Amino acid sequence: MSDRNATRRGVLKGIGATAAAALGGAALSGTVAAAGPWESVESPTGNTLHDVEFTAAGAYAVAGGGIVLERTSTGWQKVIGGGPTGNGNSLYGADVTDDGTALWFVGASGAIGEYDVESGVLTNHSAPMDVTNNFNDVSVTGSAGEANVYVAGDSGKMYYSFENGASETWDYTTPGSGSAINAVDFHGVRSGHIVDGNKSVFVTDDGSTWDKIGLADANVNFYGVDSDGPDDVWVSGGGGMVFHWNGSEWTPTDTGDAGLRDIEVTDDDSTGYTVGGGGKVYALGGGDWTPDETPAGENLTAVVRGGTDIAVGSGGTILEK
């Protein structure tokens, strides 16, 4: 287990009782899968929800049209309607600082926002270095106000700031062939992994230089990545494929036909979820991926684990377990 994940999940456990009280549910947990079936809950938007994260104030989801939703004791509510610029640019990825208080999100036309979940203050960091390409995902490490910010670009570039996204602190690199970087996840302050549209996985230990670690003969696109350590990486992709890196080799698993858009696994690799097309959810247990029954057939784009596990997707779909 990485130091960052140990710290981050300890924080989430610590804030879990407070968040759960507000939500009328159990405390957040990163180790035990939620019991019971998946249930569909009412959503205040019909726009596609592209990502979902737990914060110190509970769960948040980001969507098309620059919409940000918050899960409250009375259900999901819209807290931001037009994104960080107010222009309604769609939001595609989100992450939260290690202390759980700052939600970062990125999206179309260079949109980057930082939302303080305690004060409700939204800070606009959009178009760093005057870049207005689409951003697909974001990972942040450190505490609110002092975060390292890593943004995955649709043009194949990784943008990064080691000073909380301050305007003059951004830089970028192109890790691979220029194919779109679809997902990014960090397990340490400057250590993490990305996947791109050229069936490639890259690793960094300094947050700025990247080395390719796979994946030969994958034959599918990669959409999601869960970076739990230098020798513990999970990748989800097309054709129902899941790949696991143990530091020396990749192990593939074929779950079926659905394109799997997101994956989240516990640090000890005991439990997890991957989600994708047609409302598909697969749960990890006992070393095997098995299908979970869901009430929705809409494509799912993201999943997050907590006292209540949450999956989101097209048409404003929200599933809870």
Protein backbone atom coordinates (compact mmCIF):
# COMPACT_ATOMS: atom_id res chain seq x y z
CA MET A 1 0.00 0.00 0.00
CA SER A 2 1.36 3.41 -0.91
CA ASP A 3 1.84 6.13 1.69
CA ARG A 4 -0.52 8.38 -0.17
CA ASN A 5 -3.32 5.82 -0.37
CA ALA A 6 -2.85 4.96 3.29
CA THR A 7 -3.14 8.65 4.16
CA ARG A 8 -5.94 9.39 1.71
CA ARG A 9 -8.12 6.47 2.72
CA GLY A 10 -7.42 7.12 6.37
CA VAL A 11 -8.73 10.64 5.82
CA LEU A 12 -11.80 9.29 4.06
CA LYS A 13 -12.46 6.89 6.91
CA GLY A 14 -12.01 9.72 9.36
CA ILE A 15 -14.46 11.98 7.57
CA GLY A 16 -16.80 9.09 6.88
CA ALA A 17 -18.81 9.38 10.08
CA THR A 18 -19.47 13.06 9.46
CA ALA A 19 -20.34 12.53 5.82
CA ALA A 20 -22.51 9.54 6.65
CA ALA A 21 -24.43 11.48 9.25
CA ALA A 22 -25.20 14.11 6.65
CA LEU A 23 -26.23 11.47 4.16
CA GLY A 24 -28.10 9.22 6.55
CA GLY A 25 -25.84 6.28 5.73
CA ALA A 26 -22.88 4.25 6.91
CA ALA A 27 -19.39 5.66 7.27
CA LEU A 28 -17.17 5.70 4.24
CA SER A 29 -15.02 2.64 3.79
CA GLY A 30 -12.29 1.72 1.34
CA THR A 31 -12.07 -1.90 2.34
CA VAL A 32 -15.50 -3.55 2.44
CA ALA A 33 -17.93 -3.68 -0.45
CA ALA A 34 -21.39 -2.33 0.28
CA ALA A 35 -24.11 -4.93 0.88
CA GLY A 36 -27.40 -5.17 -0.97
CA PRO A 37 -28.37 -4.70 -4.62
CA TRP A 38 -27.67 -1.76 -6.90
CA GLU A 39 -30.58 0.69 -6.92
CA SER A 40 -31.38 3.52 -9.30
CA VAL A 41 -31.83 6.92 -7.62
CA GLU A 42 -33.34 10.15 -8.91
CA SER A 43 -30.98 12.48 -10.73
CA PRO A 44 -31.50 16.24 -11.18
CA THR A 45 -29.99 16.15 -14.68
CA GLY A 46 -30.43 14.16 -17.86
CA ASN A 47 -26.87 14.98 -18.94
CA THR A 48 -24.26 12.25 -18.95
CA LEU A 49 -22.43 11.98 -15.64
CA HIS A 50 -18.77 11.37 -16.43
CA ASP A 51 -17.16 10.98 -13.01
CA VAL A 52 -17.98 10.63 -9.31
CA GLU A 53 -15.87 11.15 -6.18
CA PHE A 54 -16.19 11.14 -2.39
CA THR A 55 -15.11 14.27 -0.49
CA ALA A 56 -15.22 15.42 3.13
CA ALA A 57 -18.74 16.68 2.42
CA GLY A 58 -19.99 13.51 0.73
CA ALA A 59 -20.21 12.43 -2.90
CA TYR A 60 -20.04 14.69 -5.96
CA ALA A 61 -20.53 13.92 -9.67
CA VAL A 62 -19.57 15.94 -12.76
CA ALA A 63 -21.51 16.02 -16.00
CA GLY A 64 -22.07 17.39 -19.45
CA GLY A 65 -22.92 21.09 -19.63
CA GLY A 66 -20.56 21.93 -16.77
CA ILE A 67 -22.94 20.50 -14.17
CA VAL A 68 -21.69 19.41 -10.75
CA LEU A 69 -24.00 17.42 -8.46
CA GLU A 70 -23.79 16.92 -4.70
CA ARG A 71 -25.29 13.98 -2.80
CA THR A 72 -27.20 15.35 0.20
CA SER A 73 -29.47 13.92 2.89
CA THR A 74 -32.44 14.74 0.64
CA GLY A 75 -30.95 13.37 -2.57
CA TRP A 76 -28.70 14.58 -5.35
CA GLN A 77 -28.72 18.33 -6.00
CA LYS A 78 -27.09 20.59 -8.57
CA VAL A 79 -24.47 22.89 -7.03
CA ILE A 80 -22.75 24.19 -10.20
CA GLY A 81 -24.55 24.77 -13.46
CA GLY A 82 -22.01 26.03 -15.99
CA GLY A 83 -18.60 24.71 -15.04
CA PRO A 84 -15.63 26.77 -13.85
CA THR A 85 -15.97 29.37 -16.62
CA GLY A 86 -19.75 29.56 -16.65
CA ASN A 87 -19.74 28.66 -20.36
CA GLY A 88 -21.30 25.24 -19.86
CA ASN A 89 -18.30 23.25 -21.07
CA SER A 90 -18.81 19.56 -20.32
CA LEU A 91 -16.85 18.07 -17.41
CA TYR A 92 -15.20 14.68 -17.99
CA GLY A 93 -13.02 13.92 -14.96
CA ALA A 94 -12.75 14.69 -11.25
CA ASP A 95 -10.57 14.00 -8.22
CA VAL A 96 -10.31 15.16 -4.62
CA THR A 97 -7.37 16.35 -2.53
CA ASP A 98 -5.99 14.06 0.17
CA ASP A 99 -7.76 16.00 2.93
CA GLY A 100 -11.08 15.64 1.11
CA THR A 101 -11.89 19.35 0.98
CA ALA A 102 -11.08 20.39 -2.60
CA LEU A 103 -12.82 18.81 -5.58
CA TRP A 104 -10.98 19.31 -8.87
CA PHE A 105 -12.64 18.73 -12.24
CA VAL A 106 -11.67 19.12 -15.90
CA GLY A 107 -13.43 19.03 -19.24
CA ALA A 108 -14.01 20.49 -22.67
CA SER A 109 -12.26 23.57 -24.05
CA GLY A 110 -9.58 23.59 -21.36
CA ALA A 111 -11.98 23.69 -18.41
CA ILE A 112 -10.33 23.22 -14.99
CA GLY A 113 -12.11 23.99 -11.74
CA GLU A 114 -11.31 23.73 -8.01
CA TYR A 115 -14.35 23.60 -5.72
CA ASP A 116 -14.06 24.03 -1.95
CA VAL A 117 -16.72 21.64 -0.64
CA GLU A 118 -16.74 23.32 2.77
CA SER A 119 -17.10 26.97 1.71
CA GLY A 120 -18.72 26.45 -1.69
CA VAL A 121 -16.09 28.65 -3.38
CA LEU A 122 -15.29 27.77 -7.01
CA THR A 123 -11.88 28.74 -8.42
CA ASN A 124 -11.35 28.81 -12.17
CA HIS A 125 -8.00 27.43 -13.41
CA SER A 126 -9.12 26.95 -17.02
CA ALA A 127 -6.95 27.20 -20.14
CA PRO A 128 -3.51 26.79 -18.52
CA MET A 129 -0.79 28.02 -20.86
CA ASP A 130 -3.71 29.22 -23.05
CA VAL A 131 -4.56 25.59 -23.88
CA THR A 132 -8.21 25.10 -24.80
CA ASN A 133 -8.10 21.46 -25.88
CA ASN A 134 -10.38 18.96 -24.18
CA PHE A 135 -9.18 17.51 -20.87
CA ASN A 136 -10.31 13.95 -20.15
CA ASP A 137 -9.28 13.30 -16.56
CA VAL A 138 -7.50 14.76 -13.54
CA SER A 139 -5.61 13.44 -10.52
CA VAL A 140 -4.59 15.59 -7.55
CA THR A 141 -2.28 14.80 -4.62
CA GLY A 142 -1.61 16.69 -1.42
CA SER A 143 -3.86 18.99 0.59
CA ALA A 144 -6.22 21.70 -0.58
CA GLY A 145 -4.33 24.85 -1.53
CA GLU A 146 -1.06 22.93 -1.88
CA ALA A 147 -2.02 20.26 -4.42
CA ASN A 148 -0.07 18.74 -7.26
CA VAL A 149 -2.45 18.71 -10.22
CA TYR A 150 -2.18 16.30 -13.17
CA VAL A 151 -4.44 16.76 -16.19
CA ALA A 152 -4.88 14.27 -19.03
CA GLY A 153 -5.17 15.94 -22.42
CA ASP A 154 -7.14 14.72 -25.41
CA SER A 155 -4.19 15.78 -27.61
CA GLY A 156 -1.86 13.30 -25.90
CA LYS A 157 -0.25 15.75 -23.49
CA MET A 158 -0.03 15.56 -19.70
CA TYR A 159 -0.34 18.98 -18.06
CA TYR A 160 0.87 19.43 -14.50
CA SER A 161 1.29 22.03 -11.79
CA PHE A 162 3.11 21.43 -8.51
CA GLU A 163 1.68 24.66 -7.04
CA ASN A 164 -2.08 24.13 -6.89
CA GLY A 165 -2.70 25.16 -10.48
CA ALA A 166 -1.35 28.71 -10.14
CA SER A 167 -1.36 30.30 -13.58
CA GLU A 168 2.41 30.56 -14.08
CA THR A 169 3.27 27.10 -12.72
CA TRP A 170 1.94 24.81 -15.44
CA ASP A 171 4.07 22.67 -17.73
CA TYR A 172 3.38 19.73 -20.03
CA THR A 173 4.90 16.66 -21.62
CA THR A 174 3.84 14.20 -24.33
CA PRO A 175 4.40 10.69 -22.89
CA GLY A 176 3.52 8.67 -25.98
CA SER A 177 2.54 8.98 -29.62
CA GLY A 178 0.14 11.88 -29.18
CA SER A 179 -2.93 9.69 -28.77
CA ALA A 180 -5.54 10.95 -26.33
CA ILE A 181 -4.76 10.26 -22.69
CA ASN A 182 -7.98 8.76 -21.38
CA ALA A 183 -7.31 8.37 -17.67
CA VAL A 184 -4.81 9.28 -14.94
CA ASP A 185 -4.43 8.11 -11.35
CA PHE A 186 -1.70 8.73 -8.76
CA HIS A 187 -0.84 6.53 -5.77
CA GLY A 188 1.89 8.82 -4.44
CA VAL A 189 2.58 12.55 -4.37
CA ARG A 190 4.33 12.39 -7.77
CA SER A 191 3.92 8.70 -8.60
CA GLY A 192 1.16 7.36 -10.80
CA HIS A 193 -0.03 5.92 -14.09
CA ILE A 194 -1.89 6.92 -17.24
CA VAL A 195 -3.51 5.09 -20.16
CA ASP A 196 -3.88 6.42 -23.68
CA GLY A 197 -5.76 5.71 -26.90
CA ASN A 198 -2.82 3.83 -28.38
CA LYS A 199 -3.20 0.85 -26.00
CA SER A 200 -0.35 2.10 -23.83
CA VAL A 201 0.24 2.39 -20.09
CA PHE A 202 2.81 4.82 -18.70
CA VAL A 203 4.33 5.29 -15.24
CA THR A 204 5.94 8.29 -13.51
CA ASP A 205 7.85 8.69 -10.26
CA ASP A 206 8.44 12.44 -10.50
CA GLY A 207 5.14 13.68 -11.94
CA SER A 208 6.74 14.99 -15.12
CA THR A 209 8.56 12.20 -16.98
CA TRP A 210 6.80 9.05 -18.13
CA ASP A 211 7.95 5.55 -19.13
CA LYS A 212 5.89 2.98 -21.00
CA ILE A 213 5.21 -0.28 -19.15
CA GLY A 214 2.76 -1.91 -21.56
CA LEU A 215 0.68 -3.22 -22.96
CA ALA A 216 1.78 -5.44 -25.85
CA ASP A 217 -0.87 -7.25 -27.90
CA ALA A 218 -3.79 -5.87 -25.87
CA ASN A 219 -5.92 -5.36 -29.01
CA VAL A 220 -8.41 -3.13 -27.17
CA ASN A 221 -8.58 0.52 -26.19
CA PHE A 222 -7.87 1.50 -22.57
CA TYR A 223 -10.37 3.69 -20.73
CA GLY A 224 -9.78 3.46 -16.98
CA VAL A 225 -6.82 3.10 -14.62
CA ASP A 226 -6.50 2.51 -10.87
CA SER A 227 -2.95 3.13 -9.65
CA ASP A 228 -2.46 1.55 -6.21
CA GLY A 229 1.34 1.25 -6.29
CA PRO A 230 4.33 0.78 -8.62
CA ASP A 231 3.57 -2.95 -8.69
CA ASP A 232 -0.22 -2.78 -8.44
CA VAL A 233 -2.05 -1.24 -11.40
CA TRP A 234 -5.50 -2.05 -12.80
CA VAL A 235 -6.62 -1.07 -16.31
CA SER A 236 -10.10 -1.39 -17.85
CA GLY A 237 -10.74 -1.36 -21.57
CA GLY A 238 -12.77 -2.35 -24.56
CA GLY A 239 -14.17 -5.80 -25.20
CA GLY A 240 -14.78 -6.38 -21.50
CA MET A 241 -11.05 -6.58 -20.75
CA VAL A 242 -9.40 -5.95 -17.39
CA PHE A 243 -5.61 -6.00 -16.97
CA HIS A 244 -3.57 -6.18 -13.75
CA TRP A 245 0.13 -5.29 -13.40
CA ASN A 246 1.98 -6.89 -10.47
CA GLY A 247 5.34 -5.27 -11.17
CA SER A 248 6.63 -7.97 -13.48
CA GLU A 249 3.76 -9.08 -15.74
CA TRP A 250 0.30 -8.19 -16.96
CA THR A 251 -2.61 -10.55 -16.28
CA PRO A 252 -5.67 -10.15 -18.56
CA THR A 253 -9.26 -11.02 -17.65
CA ASP A 254 -12.12 -11.15 -20.15
CA THR A 255 -15.45 -10.23 -18.54
CA GLY A 256 -17.54 -10.15 -21.72
CA ASP A 257 -18.28 -7.63 -24.45
CA ALA A 258 -18.91 -4.32 -22.68
CA GLY A 259 -16.42 -1.50 -22.98
CA LEU A 260 -15.30 -0.95 -19.38
CA ARG A 261 -14.92 2.77 -18.74
CA ASP A 262 -13.74 2.87 -15.13
CA ILE A 263 -12.19 0.61 -12.51
CA GLU A 264 -11.59 0.92 -8.77
CA VAL A 265 -9.95 -1.79 -6.65
CA THR A 266 -8.89 -1.81 -2.99
CA ASP A 267 -5.17 -1.60 -2.21
CA ASP A 268 -5.09 -5.24 -1.13
CA ASP A 269 -6.76 -6.30 -4.42
CA SER A 270 -9.51 -8.11 -2.50
CA THR A 271 -12.56 -6.26 -3.81
CA GLY A 272 -13.40 -3.75 -6.49
CA TYR A 273 -15.65 -2.72 -9.36
CA THR A 274 -15.40 -2.05 -13.06
CA VAL A 275 -18.28 -0.49 -15.01
CA GLY A 276 -19.17 0.10 -18.63
CA GLY A 277 -21.56 -0.18 -21.53
CA GLY A 278 -25.15 -1.34 -21.16
CA GLY A 279 -25.24 -0.78 -17.42
CA LYS A 280 -22.63 -3.46 -16.80
CA VAL A 281 -21.01 -3.71 -13.37
CA TYR A 282 -18.47 -6.40 -12.49
CA ALA A 283 -17.37 -6.98 -8.92
CA LEU A 284 -14.00 -8.38 -7.84
CA GLY A 285 -14.02 -11.00 -5.10
CA GLY A 286 -11.98 -14.09 -4.42
CA GLY A 287 -9.73 -13.21 -7.33
CA ASP A 288 -12.57 -13.33 -9.87
CA TRP A 289 -14.62 -10.71 -11.68
CA THR A 290 -18.35 -11.56 -11.66
CA PRO A 291 -21.36 -9.59 -12.97
CA ASP A 292 -23.53 -7.58 -10.60
CA GLU A 293 -27.20 -7.17 -11.49
CA THR A 294 -28.19 -3.55 -12.08
CA PRO A 295 -31.57 -1.90 -12.76
CA ALA A 296 -30.29 0.26 -15.62
CA GLY A 297 -29.22 -0.44 -19.17
CA GLU A 298 -27.60 2.95 -19.75
CA ASN A 299 -23.86 3.11 -20.31
CA LEU A 300 -21.93 3.60 -17.08
CA THR A 301 -18.87 5.84 -17.05
CA ALA A 302 -17.50 5.89 -13.50
CA VAL A 303 -17.66 4.17 -10.11
CA VAL A 304 -16.55 5.08 -6.58
CA ARG A 305 -16.48 3.01 -3.41
CA GLY A 306 -17.66 4.12 0.01
CA GLY A 307 -20.23 3.34 2.69
CA THR A 308 -22.54 3.64 -0.30
CA ASP A 309 -20.95 2.55 -3.57
CA ILE A 310 -21.96 4.79 -6.50
CA ALA A 311 -21.89 4.32 -10.27
CA VAL A 312 -22.89 7.02 -12.78
CA GLY A 313 -23.46 7.22 -16.50
CA SER A 314 -25.41 8.41 -19.49
CA GLY A 315 -28.80 10.10 -19.22
CA GLY A 316 -27.97 11.26 -15.71
CA THR A 317 -27.96 7.68 -14.44
CA ILE A 318 -27.02 7.23 -10.77
CA LEU A 319 -26.82 3.79 -9.19
CA GLU A 320 -26.17 3.25 -5.49
CA LYS A 321 -25.37 0.15 -3.45
